[in-house]
Amino acid sequence: METNFTFIFLMIKSLAAQLLNLQFNPSLPVANCANAIANGFSCTFSNDFVRVNCWVHIHRNMQKQLLTIKSEKLHSQFALDIEALQLAHLVDSFNKAAALYAEKWDAIGEDLNETVKRQIEQCLQHFAEEYCDRYPGWFEGHATSHPSHNNALKSTNNVIKMEYTMRSQLPVAQFANMACTIVRDWSQIRNPEAVNFVPFNSEAPIKEKDYEETYGLICEKRKMLTQCSDGAITRFIAKKGLINLTSEQFREYKHHFHENLWPSFDTYVEVHMSMWAVSIPIENWTSGAYSCPPFLKKHKCKHLIAVAATFNLTSIPISAKAIVLVRRKKEVALPKQPKHSFVIELL
């Protein structure tokens, strides 16, 4: 398998040089947990690369492993803790939180009967050995601003099956012709001179719904703390439901993440989810970074747009404002008065 991937990567590199005059040297493969892909990549390009392991594959694998835990409550909590760990946006925080995660579930297992304890130990051992030691590149902070899964690429498989092969297994010669057709079609729609030109997105596109969510956030008047430096704005936004955001909470938040001092895994999750930090450059606010889960997943969020709008770096369309205002008006409308009914007293 390794030689097959090496051959594929060599062909891609060679064709890029011949057809596009491009020195193609990627440095971040999404290699899942397949060593053959990573080894083929290193043989072709460089040993100095950041290997990303698809979070979706790991999530599915752990869901299968957790079926051995018969307690539905423990099963669910184990999975939720893994999802919280995946949102770590710093490498040091992930390493510390992973150790605390193991300590937490070791302690939980000690208080249960031998059967459940053994089930938890098996799942915890598999998780620690496979996804904390061997393949740790699945959390969001491992490769900032890059995807943590390859779902978008794999969705292309369905397009090929539905639009071209019709889910049929083609002979080699027919498949080769079909592959040429696919490459031709996809190349044409990326041609800027084509009628149905589909451009590549260099950044996450902001849509009308994003602006609606942003204006809804602005209307909430959520508590925020701001720091301004040369050419950049950093703002800390409290999570929904946190009425006050004090300077003391802000200092505690920064201290925890700077020193990686967490007394327990639950404390890590609580502090990590208590507020979000957004940092945007004034010259190009769309290249800003944020620590909230939506931004880590989609590379855009309402918090980032809200901060940019607050400092007049962008504007929210009137149509988005109108939709939010109409929705809020319906929510605060007084309920209808109940109709009077006849009351008959039986004496």
Protein backbone atom coordinates (compact mmCIF):
# COMPACT_ATOMS: atom_id res chain seq x y z
CA MET A 1 0.00 0.00 0.00
CA GLU A 2 2.83 2.40 0.82
CA THR A 3 4.31 2.02 -2.67
CA ASN A 4 0.88 2.73 -4.20
CA PHE A 5 0.52 6.00 -2.32
CA THR A 6 4.11 6.94 -3.11
CA PHE A 7 3.39 6.42 -6.82
CA ILE A 8 0.21 8.53 -6.64
CA PHE A 9 1.97 11.38 -4.84
CA LEU A 10 4.90 11.28 -7.29
CA MET A 11 2.52 11.52 -10.26
CA ILE A 12 0.70 14.49 -8.70
CA LYS A 13 4.00 16.26 -8.05
CA SER A 14 5.28 15.51 -11.55
CA LEU A 15 2.09 16.65 -13.32
CA ALA A 16 1.98 19.86 -11.29
CA ALA A 17 5.50 20.67 -12.47
CA GLN A 18 4.85 19.72 -16.11
CA LEU A 19 1.41 21.24 -16.65
CA LEU A 20 1.35 24.15 -14.20
CA ASN A 21 5.06 24.84 -13.71
CA LEU A 22 4.33 24.50 -9.99
CA GLN A 23 6.64 23.15 -7.32
CA PHE A 24 3.97 21.27 -5.39
CA ASN A 25 5.20 20.58 -1.83
CA PRO A 26 2.28 20.29 0.61
CA SER A 27 3.09 20.14 4.29
CA LEU A 28 -0.19 19.05 5.89
CA PRO A 29 -1.78 15.73 4.84
CA VAL A 30 -5.03 14.47 6.34
CA ALA A 31 -3.77 10.90 6.57
CA ASN A 32 -6.34 9.50 9.01
CA CYS A 33 -4.64 6.72 10.98
CA ALA A 34 -3.17 4.99 7.92
CA ASN A 35 0.61 4.82 8.15
CA ALA A 36 0.84 3.87 4.46
CA ILE A 37 -0.49 7.31 3.44
CA ALA A 38 1.83 9.18 5.80
CA ASN A 39 4.87 7.13 4.74
CA GLY A 40 4.10 7.59 1.05
CA PHE A 41 3.72 11.32 1.65
CA SER A 42 7.06 11.60 3.46
CA CYS A 43 8.86 9.64 0.72
CA THR A 44 7.55 12.00 -1.96
CA PHE A 45 7.59 15.39 -0.31
CA SER A 46 9.25 15.86 3.07
CA ASN A 47 9.57 14.33 6.51
CA ASP A 48 8.81 17.72 8.00
CA PHE A 49 5.02 17.82 7.89
CA VAL A 50 2.04 18.13 10.22
CA ARG A 51 -0.12 15.02 10.10
CA VAL A 52 -3.83 15.52 10.68
CA ASN A 53 -5.98 12.57 11.72
CA CYS A 54 -9.61 12.81 10.66
CA TRP A 55 -11.76 13.60 13.70
CA VAL A 56 -14.84 11.96 12.16
CA HIS A 57 -13.07 8.60 11.81
CA ILE A 58 -11.90 8.76 15.40
CA HIS A 59 -15.36 9.74 16.63
CA ARG A 60 -16.96 6.81 14.80
CA ASN A 61 -14.32 4.38 16.03
CA MET A 62 -14.78 5.45 19.64
CA GLN A 63 -18.56 5.16 19.32
CA LYS A 64 -18.05 1.49 18.40
CA GLN A 65 -15.61 1.00 21.27
CA LEU A 66 -18.03 2.58 23.74
CA LEU A 67 -20.70 0.01 22.92
CA THR A 68 -18.88 -2.24 25.38
CA ILE A 69 -19.95 0.11 28.20
CA LYS A 70 -23.45 -1.05 29.02
CA SER A 71 -24.36 1.95 31.16
CA GLU A 72 -25.99 4.48 28.82
CA LYS A 73 -25.17 7.37 31.18
CA LEU A 74 -21.45 6.50 31.35
CA HIS A 75 -21.37 5.81 27.62
CA SER A 76 -22.82 9.24 26.86
CA GLN A 77 -20.56 11.10 29.33
CA PHE A 78 -17.43 9.38 28.00
CA ALA A 79 -18.30 10.49 24.46
CA LEU A 80 -19.16 14.05 25.52
CA ASP A 81 -15.82 14.40 27.27
CA ILE A 82 -13.99 13.30 24.11
CA GLU A 83 -15.91 15.92 22.12
CA ALA A 84 -14.93 18.59 24.66
CA LEU A 85 -11.30 17.49 24.39
CA GLN A 86 -11.44 17.75 20.59
CA LEU A 87 -12.19 21.50 20.89
CA ALA A 88 -8.79 22.23 22.47
CA HIS A 89 -7.28 25.14 20.55
CA LEU A 90 -3.75 24.86 21.97
CA VAL A 91 -1.37 21.90 21.86
CA ASP A 92 -0.28 22.31 25.49
CA SER A 93 -3.89 22.54 26.63
CA PHE A 94 -4.75 19.34 24.78
CA ASN A 95 -1.85 17.41 26.31
CA LYS A 96 -2.75 18.56 29.82
CA ALA A 97 -6.49 18.00 29.32
CA ALA A 98 -5.90 14.50 27.91
CA ALA A 99 -3.98 13.55 31.07
CA LEU A 100 -6.77 14.97 33.25
CA TYR A 101 -9.31 13.08 31.14
CA ALA A 102 -7.54 9.79 31.91
CA GLU A 103 -7.37 10.66 35.63
CA LYS A 104 -11.08 11.46 35.72
CA TRP A 105 -12.17 8.17 34.17
CA ASP A 106 -9.69 6.15 36.21
CA ALA A 107 -11.31 7.60 39.33
CA ILE A 108 -14.84 6.95 38.03
CA GLY A 109 -13.95 3.31 37.33
CA GLU A 110 -12.67 2.80 40.88
CA ASP A 111 -16.11 3.57 42.33
CA LEU A 112 -17.98 1.03 40.18
CA ASN A 113 -18.33 -2.74 40.16
CA GLU A 114 -15.65 -4.88 38.54
CA THR A 115 -17.55 -5.47 35.29
CA VAL A 116 -18.18 -1.78 34.55
CA LYS A 117 -14.69 -0.88 35.76
CA ARG A 118 -13.18 -3.33 33.27
CA GLN A 119 -15.34 -1.93 30.45
CA ILE A 120 -14.18 1.64 31.18
CA GLU A 121 -10.54 0.56 31.48
CA GLN A 122 -10.63 -1.10 28.07
CA CYS A 123 -12.14 1.96 26.36
CA LEU A 124 -9.80 4.33 28.15
CA GLN A 125 -6.74 2.25 27.29
CA HIS A 126 -7.74 2.09 23.61
CA PHE A 127 -8.39 5.84 23.50
CA ALA A 128 -5.14 6.77 25.27
CA GLU A 129 -2.90 4.46 23.25
CA GLU A 130 -4.43 5.11 19.84
CA TYR A 131 -5.59 8.71 19.90
CA CYS A 132 -3.48 10.40 22.55
CA ASP A 133 -0.12 8.68 21.99
CA ARG A 134 0.00 7.31 18.42
CA TYR A 135 -2.39 9.58 16.50
CA PRO A 136 -3.00 12.80 18.46
CA GLY A 137 -3.58 15.08 15.46
CA TRP A 138 -7.39 15.19 15.64
CA PHE A 139 -8.10 18.19 17.88
CA GLU A 140 -8.84 21.63 16.45
CA GLY A 141 -5.66 23.32 17.69
CA HIS A 142 -3.36 20.74 16.10
CA ALA A 143 -3.43 22.51 12.73
CA THR A 144 -5.04 25.91 13.19
CA SER A 145 -7.05 27.25 10.21
CA HIS A 146 -6.98 23.81 8.54
CA PRO A 147 -9.75 21.18 8.43
CA SER A 148 -9.80 18.56 11.17
CA HIS A 149 -11.57 16.03 8.91
CA ASN A 150 -11.82 15.12 5.23
CA ASN A 151 -15.62 14.95 4.93
CA ALA A 152 -15.71 17.61 2.21
CA LEU A 153 -13.29 15.61 0.06
CA LYS A 154 -15.10 12.34 0.63
CA SER A 155 -18.42 13.91 -0.32
CA THR A 156 -17.00 14.03 -3.85
CA ASN A 157 -17.31 10.24 -3.94
CA ASN A 158 -21.08 10.54 -3.90
CA VAL A 159 -20.98 13.08 -6.75
CA ILE A 160 -18.97 10.66 -8.88
CA LYS A 161 -21.36 7.80 -8.13
CA MET A 162 -24.56 9.80 -8.67
CA GLU A 163 -23.57 11.88 -11.72
CA TYR A 164 -21.08 9.71 -13.58
CA THR A 165 -20.80 5.99 -12.73
CA MET A 166 -24.42 5.62 -11.59
CA ARG A 167 -23.11 3.38 -8.78
CA SER A 168 -21.92 0.78 -11.29
CA GLN A 169 -18.60 -1.04 -11.19
CA LEU A 170 -17.03 -0.15 -14.54
CA PRO A 171 -14.43 -2.13 -16.49
CA VAL A 172 -10.94 -0.60 -16.45
CA ALA A 173 -11.12 0.85 -19.98
CA GLN A 174 -14.55 2.37 -19.43
CA PHE A 175 -13.49 3.74 -16.03
CA ALA A 176 -10.42 5.39 -17.63
CA ASN A 177 -12.66 7.17 -20.16
CA MET A 178 -15.03 8.20 -17.38
CA ALA A 179 -12.12 9.59 -15.34
CA CYS A 180 -11.06 11.74 -18.31
CA THR A 181 -14.63 13.02 -18.60
CA ILE A 182 -14.74 13.92 -14.91
CA VAL A 183 -11.43 15.78 -15.05
CA ARG A 184 -12.54 17.68 -18.18
CA ASP A 185 -15.89 18.70 -16.67
CA TRP A 186 -14.41 19.81 -13.37
CA SER A 187 -11.62 21.73 -15.09
CA GLN A 188 -14.07 23.61 -17.30
CA ILE A 189 -16.24 24.89 -14.46
CA ARG A 190 -13.12 26.26 -12.73
CA ASN A 191 -12.16 28.22 -15.85
CA PRO A 192 -12.75 31.95 -15.13
CA GLU A 193 -13.91 32.42 -18.73
CA ALA A 194 -16.57 29.73 -18.48
CA VAL A 195 -20.26 30.70 -18.36
CA ASN A 196 -20.91 28.58 -15.28
CA PHE A 197 -17.62 29.48 -13.59
CA VAL A 198 -17.33 28.20 -9.99
CA PRO A 199 -14.44 29.92 -8.19
CA PHE A 200 -12.39 28.34 -5.44
CA ASN A 201 -13.01 29.90 -2.03
CA SER A 202 -9.81 31.14 -0.40
CA GLU A 203 -11.74 31.86 2.82
CA ALA A 204 -15.04 30.84 4.38
CA PRO A 205 -17.87 32.69 2.60
CA ILE A 206 -20.14 34.78 4.83
CA LYS A 207 -23.80 34.27 4.00
CA GLU A 208 -27.05 36.01 4.88
CA LYS A 209 -27.74 33.59 7.74
CA ASP A 210 -24.35 34.44 9.28
CA TYR A 211 -25.29 38.11 9.33
CA GLU A 212 -28.66 37.28 10.89
CA GLU A 213 -26.96 35.37 13.71
CA THR A 214 -24.47 38.22 14.13
CA TYR A 215 -27.16 40.87 14.51
CA GLY A 216 -29.00 38.64 16.96
CA LEU A 217 -25.81 38.46 19.04
CA ILE A 218 -25.41 42.25 18.93
CA CYS A 219 -29.00 42.69 20.11
CA GLU A 220 -28.26 40.45 23.12
CA LYS A 221 -25.76 43.07 24.35
CA ARG A 222 -23.60 40.34 25.77
CA LYS A 223 -20.80 41.36 28.15
CA MET A 224 -17.40 41.83 26.43
CA LEU A 225 -13.88 42.91 27.36
CA THR A 226 -11.62 44.50 24.76
CA GLN A 227 -7.85 44.83 24.32
CA CYS A 228 -6.37 46.87 21.48
CA SER A 229 -2.80 46.62 20.24
CA ASP A 230 -0.91 47.75 17.15
CA GLY A 231 -3.01 46.73 14.16
CA ALA A 232 -5.14 44.18 16.01
CA ILE A 233 -8.20 43.97 18.25
CA THR A 234 -8.69 41.25 20.86
CA ARG A 235 -12.08 40.85 22.49
CA PHE A 236 -13.30 38.35 25.08
CA ILE A 237 -16.99 37.49 24.85
CA ALA A 238 -18.93 35.81 27.63
CA LYS A 239 -20.91 32.70 26.84
CA LYS A 240 -24.67 32.99 26.64
CA GLY A 241 -26.22 33.10 30.09
CA LEU A 242 -23.16 34.60 31.81
CA ILE A 243 -24.54 37.93 33.01
CA ASN A 244 -21.32 39.54 34.22
CA LEU A 245 -17.83 39.27 32.78
CA THR A 246 -15.41 40.77 35.29
CA SER A 247 -11.73 41.55 34.97
CA GLU A 248 -11.06 38.92 37.64
CA GLN A 249 -12.74 36.22 35.50
CA PHE A 250 -10.72 37.41 32.53
CA ARG A 251 -7.42 37.19 34.43
CA GLU A 252 -8.33 33.73 35.74
CA TYR A 253 -9.15 32.57 32.21
CA LYS A 254 -5.79 33.79 30.84
CA HIS A 255 -3.89 32.38 33.82
CA HIS A 256 -5.39 28.92 33.37
CA PHE A 257 -4.49 28.74 29.68
CA HIS A 258 -1.08 30.36 30.05
CA GLU A 259 0.06 28.14 32.92
CA ASN A 260 -2.04 25.06 32.04
CA LEU A 261 -3.10 24.78 35.66
CA TRP A 262 -6.26 22.71 35.79
CA PRO A 263 -7.28 20.91 38.99
CA SER A 264 -9.57 18.58 37.03
CA PHE A 265 -10.88 17.84 33.57
CA ASP A 266 -14.31 19.23 34.45
CA THR A 267 -12.68 22.52 35.52
CA TYR A 268 -10.86 22.65 32.18
CA VAL A 269 -14.13 22.23 30.27
CA GLU A 270 -15.95 24.78 32.46
CA VAL A 271 -13.29 27.48 32.04
CA HIS A 272 -12.74 26.71 28.37
CA MET A 273 -16.45 27.16 27.65
CA SER A 274 -16.94 30.23 29.87
CA MET A 275 -15.80 32.79 27.32
CA TRP A 276 -14.44 33.07 23.79
CA ALA A 277 -11.40 35.05 22.64
CA VAL A 278 -11.40 36.70 19.21
CA SER A 279 -8.40 38.43 17.66
CA ILE A 280 -8.74 40.26 14.36
CA PRO A 281 -6.26 42.34 12.35
CA ILE A 282 -7.70 45.72 11.42
CA GLU A 283 -6.41 45.60 7.84
CA ASN A 284 -8.06 42.24 7.04
CA TRP A 285 -10.64 41.26 9.64
CA THR A 286 -11.72 38.10 7.77
CA SER A 287 -8.33 36.56 8.58
CA GLY A 288 -9.02 36.84 12.31
CA ALA A 289 -9.00 33.90 14.70
CA TYR A 290 -11.46 32.85 17.37
CA SER A 291 -11.66 30.12 19.99
CA CYS A 292 -15.38 29.31 19.88
CA PRO A 293 -16.47 25.89 18.50
CA PRO A 294 -18.29 27.24 15.38
CA PHE A 295 -15.17 29.12 14.26
CA LEU A 296 -12.89 26.17 14.93
CA LYS A 297 -15.18 24.00 12.79
CA LYS A 298 -16.22 26.41 10.00
CA HIS A 299 -13.54 29.16 10.18
CA LYS A 300 -16.25 31.77 10.56
CA CYS A 301 -18.70 32.70 13.32
CA LYS A 302 -21.10 35.37 14.48
CA HIS A 303 -18.69 36.56 17.18
CA LEU A 304 -15.97 37.42 14.66
CA ILE A 305 -18.40 39.30 12.41
CA ALA A 306 -19.92 41.10 15.42
CA VAL A 307 -16.55 42.41 16.59
CA ALA A 308 -15.73 43.56 13.06
CA ALA A 309 -19.10 45.31 12.78
CA THR A 310 -18.65 46.96 16.19
CA PHE A 311 -15.41 48.57 15.02
CA ASN A 312 -16.89 49.50 11.60
CA LEU A 313 -14.71 47.03 9.73
CA THR A 314 -17.78 45.57 8.05
CA SER A 315 -21.50 46.29 7.92
CA ILE A 316 -24.55 44.10 8.44
CA PRO A 317 -27.07 44.13 5.56
CA ILE A 318 -30.38 45.82 6.27
CA SER A 319 -32.21 42.68 5.13
CA ALA A 320 -30.53 40.63 7.87
CA LYS A 321 -31.43 43.23 10.49
CA ALA A 322 -35.04 43.29 9.35
CA ILE A 323 -35.41 39.51 9.63
CA VAL A 324 -33.97 39.50 13.17
CA LEU A 325 -36.14 42.42 14.32
CA VAL A 326 -39.31 40.80 12.97
CA ARG A 327 -38.42 37.53 14.68
CA ARG A 328 -37.71 39.24 18.00
CA LYS A 329 -40.95 41.20 17.75
CA LYS A 330 -42.90 37.96 17.41
CA GLU A 331 -41.06 36.45 20.38
CA VAL A 332 -41.88 39.34 22.72
CA ALA A 333 -45.48 39.71 21.55
CA LEU A 334 -48.01 39.41 24.34
CA PRO A 335 -49.81 36.08 24.48
CA LYS A 336 -53.44 36.02 23.50
CA GLN A 337 -55.91 36.48 26.33
CA PRO A 338 -57.77 33.26 27.11
CA LYS A 339 -61.45 33.26 26.22
CA HIS A 340 -63.88 33.42 29.10
CA SER A 341 -65.72 30.22 29.72
CA PHE A 342 -68.92 29.60 31.58
CA VAL A 343 -68.51 28.31 35.10
CA ILE A 344 -71.45 26.42 36.56
CA GLU A 345 -71.51 25.85 40.25
CA LEU A 346 -73.37 22.82 41.40
CA LEU A 347 -75.01 23.42 44.72
